Amino acid sequence: MKKDRQVVLAAVAKNGFALEFASHELKNDEILQKVSNLNIV
């Protein structure tokens, strides 16, 4: 049972990191779009 809990916690930790990374990437993408819009004008 303890092993299963460790596996679940590891999966949650990985998913949490993936979500955090994805949201960080989206923020960077928004910034890049703003910068590219400024460059076009």
PDB file of N, CA and C in Angstrom:
ATOM      1  N   MET A   1       0.837  -1.203   0.000  1.00  0.00           N
ATOM      2  CA  MET A   1       0.000   0.000   0.000  1.00  0.00           C
ATOM      3  C   MET A   1       0.875   1.258   0.000  1.00  0.00           C
ATOM      4  N   LYS A   2       1.927   1.228   0.778  1.00  0.00           N
ATOM      5  CA  LYS A   2       2.812   2.391   0.850  1.00  0.00           C
ATOM      6  C   LYS A   2       3.451   2.674  -0.515  1.00  0.00           C
ATOM      7  N   LYS A   3       3.783   1.610  -1.236  1.00  0.00           N
ATOM      8  CA  LYS A   3       4.391   1.766  -2.559  1.00  0.00           C
ATOM      9  C   LYS A   3       3.422   2.453  -3.517  1.00  0.00           C
ATOM     10  N   ASP A   4       2.152   2.040  -3.473  1.00  0.00           N
ATOM     11  CA  ASP A   4       1.132   2.642  -4.336  1.00  0.00           C
ATOM     12  C   ASP A   4       1.023   4.140  -4.071  1.00  0.00           C
ATOM     13  N   ARG A   5       1.066   4.499  -2.815  1.00  0.00           N
ATOM     14  CA  ARG A   5       0.948   5.916  -2.436  1.00  0.00           C
ATOM     15  C   ARG A   5       2.134   6.704  -2.994  1.00  0.00           C
ATOM     16  N   GLN A   6       3.315   6.119  -2.937  1.00  0.00           N
ATOM     17  CA  GLN A   6       4.503   6.784  -3.474  1.00  0.00           C
ATOM     18  C   GLN A   6       4.367   6.988  -4.978  1.00  0.00           C
ATOM     19  N   VAL A   7       3.823   5.987  -5.667  1.00  0.00           N
ATOM     20  CA  VAL A   7       3.630   6.080  -7.115  1.00  0.00           C
ATOM     21  C   VAL A   7       2.642   7.201  -7.435  1.00  0.00           C
ATOM     22  N   VAL A   8       1.553   7.247  -6.677  1.00  0.00           N
ATOM     23  CA  VAL A   8       0.538   8.290  -6.891  1.00  0.00           C
ATOM     24  C   VAL A   8       1.135   9.666  -6.625  1.00  0.00           C
ATOM     25  N   LEU A   9       1.871   9.815  -5.535  1.00  0.00           N
ATOM     26  CA  LEU A   9       2.488  11.100  -5.207  1.00  0.00           C
ATOM     27  C   LEU A   9       3.482  11.518  -6.285  1.00  0.00           C
ATOM     28  N   ALA A  10       4.237  10.566  -6.798  1.00  0.00           N
ATOM     29  CA  ALA A  10       5.199  10.864  -7.863  1.00  0.00           C
ATOM     30  C   ALA A  10       4.475  11.331  -9.120  1.00  0.00           C
ATOM     31  N   ALA A  11       3.367  10.670  -9.460  1.00  0.00           N
ATOM     32  CA  ALA A  11       2.583  11.048 -10.639  1.00  0.00           C
ATOM     33  C   ALA A  11       2.000  12.448 -10.471  1.00  0.00           C
ATOM     34  N   VAL A  12       1.479  12.736  -9.283  1.00  0.00           N
ATOM     35  CA  VAL A  12       0.914  14.060  -9.007  1.00  0.00           C
ATOM     36  C   VAL A  12       2.011  15.118  -9.098  1.00  0.00           C
ATOM     37  N   ALA A  13       3.172  14.820  -8.546  1.00  0.00           N
ATOM     38  CA  ALA A  13       4.290  15.762  -8.589  1.00  0.00           C
ATOM     39  C   ALA A  13       4.694  16.037 -10.035  1.00  0.00           C
ATOM     40  N   LYS A  14       4.764  15.001 -10.852  1.00  0.00           N
ATOM     41  CA  LYS A  14       5.121  15.169 -12.269  1.00  0.00           C
ATOM     42  C   LYS A  14       4.068  15.995 -12.986  1.00  0.00           C
ATOM     43  N   ASN A  15       2.789  15.692 -12.751  1.00  0.00           N
ATOM     44  CA  ASN A  15       1.711  16.431 -13.407  1.00  0.00           C
ATOM     45  C   ASN A  15       1.702  17.885 -12.964  1.00  0.00           C
ATOM     46  N   GLY A  16       1.932  18.116 -11.687  1.00  0.00           N
ATOM     47  CA  GLY A  16       1.984  19.477 -11.172  1.00  0.00           C
ATOM     48  C   GLY A  16       3.107  20.255 -11.833  1.00  0.00           C
ATOM     49  N   PHE A  17       4.256  19.617 -11.981  1.00  0.00           N
ATOM     50  CA  PHE A  17       5.392  20.264 -12.637  1.00  0.00           C
ATOM     51  C   PHE A  17       5.064  20.540 -14.098  1.00  0.00           C
ATOM     52  N   ALA A  18       4.428  19.583 -14.757  1.00  0.00           N
ATOM     53  CA  ALA A  18       4.058  19.749 -16.167  1.00  0.00           C
ATOM     54  C   ALA A  18       3.091  20.916 -16.334  1.00  0.00           C
ATOM     55  N   LEU A  19       2.112  21.008 -15.435  1.00  0.00           N
ATOM     56  CA  LEU A  19       1.144  22.105 -15.503  1.00  0.00           C
ATOM     57  C   LEU A  19       1.828  23.446 -15.261  1.00  0.00           C
ATOM     58  N   GLU A  20       2.713  23.475 -14.286  1.00  0.00           N
ATOM     59  CA  GLU A  20       3.435  24.706 -13.968  1.00  0.00           C
ATOM     60  C   GLU A  20       4.294  25.122 -15.157  1.00  0.00           C
ATOM     61  N   PHE A  21       4.974  24.139 -15.750  1.00  0.00           N
ATOM     62  CA  PHE A  21       5.827  24.404 -16.909  1.00  0.00           C
ATOM     63  C   PHE A  21       4.988  24.904 -18.080  1.00  0.00           C
ATOM     64  N   ALA A  22       3.835  24.264 -18.314  1.00  0.00           N
ATOM     65  CA  ALA A  22       2.955  24.656 -19.419  1.00  0.00           C
ATOM     66  C   ALA A  22       2.452  26.081 -19.221  1.00  0.00           C
ATOM     67  N   SER A  23       2.033  26.421 -18.010  1.00  0.00           N
ATOM     68  CA  SER A  23       1.526  27.771 -17.759  1.00  0.00           C
ATOM     69  C   SER A  23       2.653  28.791 -17.924  1.00  0.00           C
ATOM     70  N   HIS A  24       3.866  28.416 -17.525  1.00  0.00           N
ATOM     71  CA  HIS A  24       5.026  29.295 -17.693  1.00  0.00           C
ATOM     72  C   HIS A  24       5.297  29.504 -19.183  1.00  0.00           C
ATOM     73  N   GLU A  25       5.216  28.436 -19.965  1.00  0.00           N
ATOM     74  CA  GLU A  25       5.432  28.521 -21.409  1.00  0.00           C
ATOM     75  C   GLU A  25       4.371  29.397 -22.063  1.00  0.00           C
ATOM     76  N   LEU A  26       3.118  29.267 -21.623  1.00  0.00           N
ATOM     77  CA  LEU A  26       2.038  30.088 -22.177  1.00  0.00           C
ATOM     78  C   LEU A  26       2.287  31.565 -21.884  1.00  0.00           C
ATOM     79  N   LYS A  27       2.742  31.878 -20.686  1.00  0.00           N
ATOM     80  CA  LYS A  27       3.052  33.267 -20.334  1.00  0.00           C
ATOM     81  C   LYS A  27       4.165  33.787 -21.237  1.00  0.00           C
ATOM     82  N   ASN A  28       5.192  32.976 -21.454  1.00  0.00           N
ATOM     83  CA  ASN A  28       6.286  33.378 -22.333  1.00  0.00           C
ATOM     84  C   ASN A  28       5.773  33.604 -23.746  1.00  0.00           C
ATOM     85  N   ASP A  29       4.851  32.758 -24.198  1.00  0.00           N
ATOM     86  CA  ASP A  29       4.285  32.876 -25.536  1.00  0.00           C
ATOM     87  C   ASP A  29       3.520  34.189 -25.671  1.00  0.00           C
ATOM     88  N   GLU A  30       2.761  34.561 -24.643  1.00  0.00           N
ATOM     89  CA  GLU A  30       2.022  35.829 -24.661  1.00  0.00           C
ATOM     90  C   GLU A  30       2.989  36.998 -24.757  1.00  0.00           C
ATOM     91  N   ILE A  31       4.075  36.922 -24.007  1.00  0.00           N
ATOM     92  CA  ILE A  31       5.086  37.980 -24.028  1.00  0.00           C
ATOM     93  C   ILE A  31       5.718  38.056 -25.415  1.00  0.00           C
ATOM     94  N   LEU A  32       6.028  36.907 -26.001  1.00  0.00           N
ATOM     95  CA  LEU A  32       6.608  36.877 -27.347  1.00  0.00           C
ATOM     96  C   LEU A  32       5.657  37.487 -28.365  1.00  0.00           C
ATOM     97  N   GLN A  33       4.376  37.202 -28.242  1.00  0.00           N
ATOM     98  CA  GLN A  33       3.383  37.769 -29.160  1.00  0.00           C
ATOM     99  C   GLN A  33       3.344  39.290 -29.027  1.00  0.00           C
ATOM    100  N   LYS A  34       3.374  39.799 -27.803  1.00  0.00           N
ATOM    101  CA  LYS A  34       3.362  41.249 -27.582  1.00  0.00           C
ATOM    102  C   LYS A  34       4.605  41.881 -28.194  1.00  0.00           C
ATOM    103  N   VAL A  35       5.741  41.253 -27.997  1.00  0.00           N
ATOM    104  CA  VAL A  35       6.998  41.773 -28.538  1.00  0.00           C
ATOM    105  C   VAL A  35       6.957  41.752 -30.063  1.00  0.00           C
ATOM    106  N   SER A  36       6.478  40.657 -30.645  1.00  0.00           N
ATOM    107  CA  SER A  36       6.417  40.567 -32.107  1.00  0.00           C
ATOM    108  C   SER A  36       5.417  41.572 -32.670  1.00  0.00           C
ATOM    109  N   ASN A  37       4.330  41.836 -31.948  1.00  0.00           N
ATOM    110  CA  ASN A  37       3.368  42.857 -32.380  1.00  0.00           C
ATOM    111  C   ASN A  37       4.028  44.233 -32.395  1.00  0.00           C
ATOM    112  N   LEU A  38       4.848  44.508 -31.398  1.00  0.00           N
ATOM    113  CA  LEU A  38       5.559  45.786 -31.350  1.00  0.00           C
ATOM    114  C   LEU A  38       6.545  45.887 -32.506  1.00  0.00           C
ATOM    115  N   ASN A  39       7.201  44.782 -32.830  1.00  0.00           N
ATOM    116  CA  ASN A  39       8.173  44.774 -33.922  1.00  0.00           C
ATOM    117  C   ASN A  39       7.507  44.995 -35.273  1.00  0.00           C
ATOM    118  N   ILE A  40       6.283  44.476 -35.436  1.00  0.00           N
ATOM    119  CA  ILE A  40       5.556  44.641 -36.699  1.00  0.00           C
ATOM    120  C   ILE A  40       5.209  46.119 -36.897  1.00  0.00           C
ATOM    121  N   VAL A  41       4.794  46.785 -35.814  1.00  0.00           N
ATOM    122  CA  VAL A  41       4.421  48.216 -35.878  1.00  0.00           C
ATOM    123  C   VAL A  41       5.683  49.044 -35.827  1.00  0.00           C
TER     124      VAL A  41
END
